[in-house]
Amino acid sequence: MSFVKSRILDQLANSYPNFLRRDLEKTLNLVLDEIIKAIAKGENVQIRDFGSFKSRQLKARIGRNPKDGSRIEIPAKQSVQWKISKELFQKLNQDTNQDE
C-alpha cells in the first residue's frame, strides 16, 4: 500500500481534531509547494531525521528504443536526488542489526 498525500491529511486530521480539515490541507499543500519551489530553484531541502532533496542535472545521452533497437537521443533534464538521513537509516535497520 502506498502512503499518499490523502493518508497524510487523514493522519493530521485524526491527530489534530480541533483544526478544520481544509486548513490542514492548505498547510500540507503549502509545505509541499515550498519544497517543490526550493528544489526547482536549485536549492537543497533538508528535513531533519528524514533526509535531503537536491536537484541534479542529467546529461544528454544516446539510448535505444527497446521495441525496435533503434538509437534515440535523450535530451538533458533535471532530476531530484534524495538522500536518507542517518537517523532514518538507523530506524529502518535497527531490527536487522539486532538479529546479528
Protein backbone atom coordinates (compact mmCIF):
# COMPACT_ATOMS: atom_id res chain seq x y z
CA MET A 1 0.00 0.00 0.00
CA SER A 2 1.26 3.48 -0.85
CA PHE A 3 1.48 6.29 1.64
CA VAL A 4 -0.14 9.14 -0.28
CA LYS A 5 -0.97 12.76 0.48
CA SER A 6 -4.57 11.92 1.38
CA ARG A 7 -3.34 9.49 4.06
CA ILE A 8 -1.04 12.16 5.49
CA LEU A 9 -4.04 14.50 5.61
CA ASP A 10 -6.14 11.82 7.33
CA GLN A 11 -3.40 11.30 9.94
CA LEU A 12 -3.19 15.05 10.56
CA ALA A 13 -6.98 15.33 10.88
CA ASN A 14 -7.03 12.46 13.39
CA SER A 15 -4.12 13.89 15.37
CA TYR A 16 -5.50 17.45 15.43
CA PRO A 17 -9.31 17.20 15.55
CA ASN A 18 -9.66 20.84 16.71
CA PHE A 19 -8.32 22.10 13.34
CA LEU A 20 -10.53 22.22 10.26
CA ARG A 21 -9.62 19.65 7.62
CA ARG A 22 -9.46 22.30 4.89
CA ASP A 23 -6.95 24.31 6.97
CA LEU A 24 -4.79 21.22 7.43
CA GLU A 25 -4.99 20.56 3.70
CA LYS A 26 -3.92 24.14 2.91
CA THR A 27 -1.00 23.81 5.31
CA LEU A 28 0.12 20.50 3.84
CA ASN A 29 -0.12 21.90 0.30
CA LEU A 30 1.84 25.00 1.34
CA VAL A 31 4.67 22.90 2.80
CA LEU A 32 4.87 20.64 -0.26
CA ASP A 33 4.71 23.61 -2.66
CA GLU A 34 7.57 25.35 -0.83
CA ILE A 35 9.69 22.19 -1.05
CA ILE A 36 8.96 21.95 -4.79
CA LYS A 37 9.78 25.65 -5.37
CA ALA A 38 13.07 25.37 -3.48
CA ILE A 39 14.17 22.29 -5.43
CA ALA A 40 13.12 23.94 -8.73
CA LYS A 41 15.36 26.93 -7.85
CA GLY A 42 18.27 24.56 -7.31
CA GLU A 43 18.28 24.86 -3.52
CA ASN A 44 18.84 21.88 -1.25
CA VAL A 45 15.98 20.92 1.07
CA GLN A 46 16.82 19.16 4.30
CA ILE A 47 14.20 17.67 6.60
CA ARG A 48 15.85 16.65 9.87
CA ASP A 49 15.58 12.95 10.76
CA PHE A 50 14.15 12.21 7.29
CA GLY A 51 16.56 13.15 4.52
CA SER A 52 17.54 15.76 2.00
CA PHE A 53 16.45 16.57 -1.54
CA LYS A 54 18.53 18.25 -4.20
CA SER A 55 18.20 18.94 -7.88
CA ARG A 56 20.66 17.40 -10.29
CA GLN A 57 21.29 17.77 -13.99
CA LEU A 58 21.19 14.61 -16.10
CA LYS A 59 23.34 14.81 -19.23
CA ALA A 60 22.01 14.26 -22.74
CA ARG A 61 22.75 10.77 -23.99
CA ILE A 62 22.07 8.25 -26.72
CA GLY A 63 19.64 5.49 -25.79
CA ARG A 64 17.90 2.64 -27.52
CA ASN A 65 14.24 2.05 -28.22
CA PRO A 66 13.55 -1.31 -26.50
CA LYS A 67 10.87 -2.18 -29.04
CA ASP A 68 12.93 -1.99 -32.23
CA GLY A 69 16.50 -1.33 -31.03
CA SER A 70 16.84 1.98 -32.89
CA ARG A 71 19.06 4.68 -31.40
CA ILE A 72 17.35 7.73 -29.96
CA GLU A 73 18.75 10.91 -28.47
CA ILE A 74 17.64 11.53 -24.90
CA PRO A 75 17.86 15.24 -24.03
CA ALA A 76 19.39 16.64 -20.83
CA LYS A 77 16.95 17.08 -17.99
CA GLN A 78 16.60 17.92 -14.31
CA SER A 79 16.02 15.24 -11.71
CA VAL A 80 15.62 15.11 -7.93
CA GLN A 81 18.01 13.14 -5.77
CA TRP A 82 17.02 12.09 -2.24
CA LYS A 83 19.49 11.05 0.44
CA ILE A 84 18.27 9.29 3.57
CA SER A 85 19.22 10.75 6.96
CA LYS A 86 21.38 8.78 9.36
CA GLU A 87 18.54 8.69 11.90
CA LEU A 88 16.02 7.25 9.43
CA PHE A 89 18.60 4.78 8.13
CA GLN A 90 19.23 3.56 11.68
CA LYS A 91 15.49 3.24 12.40
CA LEU A 92 14.96 1.22 9.23
CA ASN A 93 17.85 -1.09 10.02
CA GLN A 94 17.58 -1.46 13.79
CA ASP A 95 15.70 -4.79 13.55
CA THR A 96 18.27 -6.30 11.18
CA ASN A 97 21.17 -5.17 13.37
CA GLN A 98 19.65 -6.76 16.49
CA ASP A 99 19.42 -10.19 14.82
CA GLU A 100 23.18 -10.38 14.29
